[in-house]
Protein backbone atom coordinates (compact mmCIF):
# COMPACT_ATOMS: atom_id res chain seq x y z
CA MET A 1 29.11 42.46 6.69
CA PRO A 2 29.81 39.72 4.14
CA ASN A 3 26.98 38.48 1.99
CA GLN A 4 25.33 35.79 4.11
CA TYR A 5 23.73 32.73 2.51
CA LEU A 6 19.99 32.54 3.02
CA PRO A 7 18.02 29.42 2.09
CA PRO A 8 15.83 29.99 -0.96
CA VAL A 9 12.24 31.10 -0.56
CA ILE A 10 9.49 30.84 -3.16
CA ALA A 11 8.79 34.57 -3.25
CA ILE A 12 10.14 37.78 -1.83
CA PRO A 13 8.10 38.30 1.36
CA SER A 14 5.41 40.94 1.47
CA SER A 15 5.50 43.65 4.10
CA LEU A 16 3.94 42.85 7.46
CA GLU A 17 2.05 45.20 9.77
CA ILE A 18 3.84 45.99 13.03
CA THR A 19 1.64 45.76 16.14
CA ALA A 20 4.33 46.33 18.80
CA ILE A 21 8.00 47.28 19.18
CA THR A 22 9.95 46.93 22.41
CA GLN A 23 12.25 49.57 23.86
CA SER A 24 15.18 47.19 24.21
CA SER A 25 18.45 45.98 22.81
CA PRO A 26 17.99 44.00 20.70
CA MET A 27 14.66 45.31 19.39
CA VAL A 28 11.73 42.85 19.28
CA ILE A 29 8.96 43.53 16.78
CA THR A 30 5.55 41.87 16.90
CA VAL A 31 3.81 41.64 13.55
CA PHE A 32 0.30 40.81 12.44
CA ILE A 33 0.38 37.63 10.34
CA GLY A 34 -2.80 37.15 8.35
CA ASN A 35 -1.78 33.87 6.74
CA PRO A 36 0.94 32.08 8.78
CA VAL A 37 1.74 29.66 5.96
CA SER A 38 2.38 32.17 3.18
CA GLU A 39 3.59 35.21 5.12
CA ALA A 40 5.62 34.32 8.20
CA ASN A 41 7.74 31.47 6.87
CA THR A 42 9.20 33.63 4.09
CA TYR A 43 11.07 35.78 6.62
CA LEU A 44 14.35 34.17 7.67
CA VAL A 45 17.05 34.73 10.26
CA GLY A 46 19.81 36.73 8.56
CA MET A 47 17.43 38.68 6.31
CA ALA A 48 17.79 42.46 6.11
CA VAL A 49 14.56 44.36 6.76
CA ARG A 50 13.49 48.01 6.73
CA LEU A 51 11.08 49.53 9.22
CA PHE A 52 8.40 52.04 8.30
CA VAL A 53 7.07 53.76 11.42
CA PRO A 54 4.89 56.85 10.81
CA GLN A 55 5.04 59.70 13.34
CA THR A 56 1.57 58.83 14.65
CA TYR A 57 3.08 55.65 16.18
CA LYS A 58 5.40 57.82 18.35
CA MET A 59 8.55 55.64 17.90
CA TYR A 60 9.59 57.71 14.90
CA GLN A 61 13.30 57.10 15.65
CA ALA A 62 12.81 53.62 14.16
CA ASN A 63 11.46 54.94 10.85
CA ASN A 64 13.53 53.81 7.84
CA LEU A 65 16.03 51.89 9.97
CA VAL A 66 17.48 48.76 8.39
CA GLY A 67 18.29 45.81 10.61
CA THR A 68 19.01 42.10 10.41
CA ILE A 69 16.65 39.48 11.80
CA ILE A 70 18.58 37.58 14.48
CA GLU A 71 15.69 35.48 15.83
CA ILE A 72 12.13 34.58 14.87
CA ASN A 73 9.68 33.26 17.45
CA GLY A 74 6.16 33.02 16.04
CA SER A 75 5.09 36.56 15.22
CA ASN A 76 8.02 38.13 17.10
CA PHE A 77 11.09 39.15 15.10
CA THR A 78 14.25 40.13 16.98
CA LEU A 79 16.42 42.65 15.13
CA ASN A 80 19.98 43.78 15.76
CA ILE A 81 18.79 47.33 16.56
CA ASP A 82 19.06 49.09 19.93
CA SER A 83 15.71 50.78 20.58
CA SER A 84 16.23 51.21 24.33
CA GLN A 85 16.42 55.03 24.05
CA PHE A 86 13.54 55.39 21.55
CA ASP A 87 10.10 56.79 22.38
CA ALA A 88 7.45 54.18 23.23
CA PHE A 89 5.65 52.57 20.27
CA ILE A 90 1.92 53.31 20.42
CA VAL A 91 -0.67 52.11 17.92
CA PRO A 92 -2.88 55.15 17.25
CA SER A 93 -6.63 54.84 17.63
CA GLY A 94 -8.91 55.30 14.65
CA ASN A 95 -7.89 55.24 11.02
CA THR A 96 -4.26 55.83 10.13
CA GLU A 97 -2.88 56.91 6.77
CA GLN A 98 -0.37 54.07 6.71
CA PRO A 99 0.27 51.33 9.26
CA ALA A 100 3.70 50.73 10.72
CA SER A 101 5.32 47.91 8.73
CA ILE A 102 8.40 45.81 8.19
CA ALA A 103 9.59 44.76 4.73
CA PRO A 104 12.55 42.95 3.18
CA PHE A 105 15.44 45.24 2.25
CA GLY A 106 18.13 44.69 -0.34
CA SER A 107 19.09 41.53 -2.13
CA ARG A 108 21.88 39.95 -0.11
CA ASN A 109 21.22 36.50 -1.49
CA LEU A 110 20.20 37.26 -5.07
CA GLU A 111 22.27 37.66 -8.21
CA TYR A 112 20.84 38.17 -11.69
CA ASN A 113 22.26 35.97 -14.46
CA ASN A 114 22.27 37.78 -17.84
CA GLN A 115 22.53 34.55 -19.83
CA THR A 116 19.66 32.62 -18.24
CA ARG A 117 17.68 35.64 -17.03
CA LEU A 118 17.20 33.80 -13.74
CA VAL A 119 17.85 34.98 -10.22
CA PRO A 120 19.70 32.11 -8.50
CA TYR A 121 20.38 32.00 -4.81
CA GLN A 122 24.02 32.44 -3.96
CA SER A 123 25.94 29.72 -2.23
CA LEU A 124 27.90 30.06 0.99
CA ASN A 125 30.98 31.24 -0.92
CA ASN A 126 29.08 33.76 -3.12
CA GLN A 127 29.68 31.76 -6.32
CA GLY A 128 26.03 30.96 -7.05
CA ASN A 129 24.35 27.57 -7.38
């Protein structure tokens, strides 16, 4: 996949807690958004993300998968992953060691400049700003 231009964001997004994952193609993930202004709007369509799904959540097949966000609708992120044959996602009761989460993966739209020590966002033709 060619390096896709993503509009600049102020900060690399933090990970978000997953509260539900569908068994479908494409996969739809529901996340808990504590602060809609600072957390949700930093995820963008076209961004690569990695899933962390501990075994206690049952849908372990999704653990460490990397997908691309193809749609965002509120707290629902649609990814280009087929989860139709995965086990059902279940939030375990009680305390868990680590919650299921989604986090940005890679740096498709970043390029370090050794002269300025800045990380500009690449343009549509991968030449930088």
